[in-house]
């Protein structure tokens, strides 16, 4: 498993940031490699289950994600299964009129990708992608 940890300060209330990020349909708007999110189902305990199509280093991958922890305006954990197993752990905290979003992502690099590319390249690519997702989220909810 590979881990990426990021944090960002967003000039918006926690409720707004949580609400935006908690809707899977928004992911392709902020995540450049997220090609499609479909078959979104609301879960009784909060959160969603959905199918996704993702591109990493030019290769297409598919899977399903499900919210496994849901604390409104505080904490959200989504687990992905399929071709890229991953866990996304989001913590939301109010901070002087801003929202501090902390994200911990644990994922497996698909073996089909490692056969074509060196692991350091894929790791660097994914680090940049994580920064881009957070910057895009910030731009979306601050405007």
Protein backbone atom coordinates (compact mmCIF):
# COMPACT_ATOMS: atom_id res chain seq x y z
CA UNK A 1 0.00 0.00 0.00
CA UNK A 2 1.10 3.51 -0.81
CA UNK A 3 0.00 6.46 1.33
CA UNK A 4 -0.51 10.11 0.42
CA UNK A 5 -1.37 12.64 3.13
CA UNK A 6 -2.45 16.17 2.25
CA UNK A 7 -4.06 19.14 3.97
CA UNK A 8 -5.62 22.34 2.66
CA UNK A 9 -7.31 25.42 4.12
CA UNK A 10 -10.49 26.40 2.27
CA UNK A 11 -12.29 29.71 2.76
CA UNK A 12 -15.77 28.19 3.15
CA UNK A 13 -17.83 26.71 5.98
CA UNK A 14 -17.27 23.05 6.86
CA UNK A 15 -20.85 22.20 5.92
CA UNK A 16 -20.31 23.52 2.37
CA UNK A 17 -17.00 21.68 1.86
CA UNK A 18 -18.36 18.42 3.32
CA UNK A 19 -21.53 18.65 1.24
CA UNK A 20 -19.61 19.23 -2.01
CA UNK A 21 -17.02 16.52 -1.45
CA UNK A 22 -19.65 14.11 -0.15
CA UNK A 23 -21.44 14.02 -3.52
CA UNK A 24 -19.64 11.55 -5.82
CA UNK A 25 -21.06 13.25 -8.93
CA UNK A 26 -18.72 16.18 -8.20
CA UNK A 27 -15.54 14.08 -8.37
CA UNK A 28 -15.02 14.36 -12.16
CA UNK A 29 -15.29 18.17 -11.81
CA UNK A 30 -12.29 18.38 -9.47
CA UNK A 31 -10.32 15.19 -10.20
CA UNK A 32 -8.67 15.34 -13.65
CA UNK A 33 -8.16 11.56 -13.93
CA UNK A 34 -11.67 10.64 -12.78
CA UNK A 35 -13.31 9.96 -16.13
CA UNK A 36 -16.78 8.99 -14.91
CA UNK A 37 -18.89 8.37 -11.82
CA UNK A 38 -22.12 6.43 -12.38
CA UNK A 39 -24.81 4.33 -10.69
CA UNK A 40 -24.69 6.49 -7.55
CA UNK A 41 -26.80 5.06 -4.72
CA UNK A 42 -27.44 6.79 -1.39
CA UNK A 43 -26.67 4.55 1.60
CA UNK A 44 -29.05 4.38 4.58
CA UNK A 45 -26.24 5.20 7.05
CA UNK A 46 -25.12 8.21 4.97
CA UNK A 47 -22.74 8.44 2.07
CA UNK A 48 -22.90 6.61 -1.25
CA UNK A 49 -22.00 3.56 -3.30
CA UNK A 50 -21.00 4.19 -6.93
CA UNK A 51 -19.09 2.90 -9.93
CA UNK A 52 -16.12 4.81 -11.34
CA UNK A 53 -13.81 4.91 -14.33
CA UNK A 54 -10.35 6.36 -13.74
CA UNK A 55 -7.25 6.94 -15.86
CA UNK A 56 -3.78 6.62 -14.38
CA UNK A 57 -0.73 7.23 -16.56
CA UNK A 58 -2.90 6.84 -19.66
CA UNK A 59 -4.42 3.48 -18.65
CA UNK A 60 -8.13 2.99 -17.87
CA UNK A 61 -9.27 1.38 -14.60
CA UNK A 62 -12.73 0.62 -13.20
CA UNK A 63 -14.09 -0.05 -9.76
CA UNK A 64 -16.67 0.65 -7.10
CA UNK A 65 -16.50 2.92 -4.07
CA UNK A 66 -18.57 2.91 -0.90
CA UNK A 67 -18.73 5.22 2.09
CA UNK A 68 -17.70 3.15 5.12
CA UNK A 69 -17.63 5.96 7.72
CA UNK A 70 -19.93 8.97 7.68
CA UNK A 71 -20.00 11.69 10.35
CA UNK A 72 -21.71 14.75 8.84
CA UNK A 73 -19.42 17.79 8.65
CA UNK A 74 -16.61 15.93 10.46
CA UNK A 75 -15.37 12.73 8.87
CA UNK A 76 -15.84 10.73 5.69
CA UNK A 77 -14.13 7.48 4.68
CA UNK A 78 -14.60 5.92 1.26
CA UNK A 79 -13.25 2.52 0.27
CA UNK A 80 -12.63 1.66 -3.38
CA UNK A 81 -12.52 -1.87 -4.75
CA UNK A 82 -11.78 -3.08 -8.22
CA UNK A 83 -8.68 -2.39 -10.26
CA UNK A 84 -7.31 0.24 -7.85
CA UNK A 85 -8.05 -0.73 -4.23
CA UNK A 86 -7.92 2.40 -2.09
CA UNK A 87 -9.18 4.10 1.06
CA UNK A 88 -9.83 7.86 1.20
CA UNK A 89 -10.06 9.27 4.73
CA UNK A 90 -11.28 12.89 4.93
CA UNK A 91 -11.36 14.96 8.14
CA UNK A 92 -13.05 18.38 8.21
CA UNK A 93 -12.34 21.00 10.90
CA UNK A 94 -13.54 24.58 11.28
CA UNK A 95 -10.60 26.97 11.64
CA UNK A 96 -11.21 30.74 11.98
CA UNK A 97 -13.92 30.90 9.32
CA UNK A 98 -12.15 28.40 7.08
CA UNK A 99 -12.29 24.65 6.70
CA UNK A 100 -9.16 22.59 7.22
CA UNK A 101 -9.48 19.46 5.12
CA UNK A 102 -7.04 16.66 5.86
CA UNK A 103 -6.93 13.71 3.48
CA UNK A 104 -5.15 10.40 3.90
CA UNK A 105 -5.21 8.15 0.86
CA UNK A 106 -3.95 4.58 0.88
CA UNK A 107 -3.93 2.74 -2.44
CA UNK A 108 -2.32 -0.04 -4.40
CA UNK A 109 -0.59 0.79 -7.66
CA UNK A 110 -2.02 -1.56 -10.30
CA UNK A 111 0.53 -4.18 -11.31
CA UNK A 112 -0.37 -3.62 -14.97
CA UNK A 113 0.91 -0.08 -14.58
CA UNK A 114 4.16 -1.08 -12.91
CA UNK A 115 4.95 -3.35 -15.83
CA UNK A 116 4.95 -0.33 -18.13
CA UNK A 117 6.27 2.45 -15.89
CA UNK A 118 8.73 2.87 -13.08
CA UNK A 119 7.11 3.08 -9.64
CA UNK A 120 8.73 6.45 -8.71
CA UNK A 121 7.11 8.04 -11.77
CA UNK A 122 3.64 6.73 -10.81
CA UNK A 123 4.10 7.87 -7.20
CA UNK A 124 5.10 11.38 -8.27
CA UNK A 125 2.21 11.54 -10.73
CA UNK A 126 -0.27 10.58 -7.98
CA UNK A 127 1.19 13.12 -5.53
CA UNK A 128 0.65 15.88 -8.10
CA UNK A 129 -2.84 14.61 -8.81
CA UNK A 130 -3.71 14.81 -5.09
CA UNK A 131 -2.52 18.43 -4.98
CA UNK A 132 -4.58 19.23 -8.07
CA UNK A 133 -7.75 17.65 -6.64
CA UNK A 134 -7.47 19.74 -3.46
CA UNK A 135 -6.72 22.94 -5.38
CA UNK A 136 -9.70 22.31 -7.66
CA UNK A 137 -11.96 21.60 -4.67
CA UNK A 138 -10.81 24.86 -3.07
CA UNK A 139 -11.56 26.79 -6.28
CA UNK A 140 -15.02 25.21 -6.60
CA UNK A 141 -16.26 25.88 -3.08
CA UNK A 142 -14.66 29.30 -2.63
CA UNK A 143 -16.35 30.77 -5.72
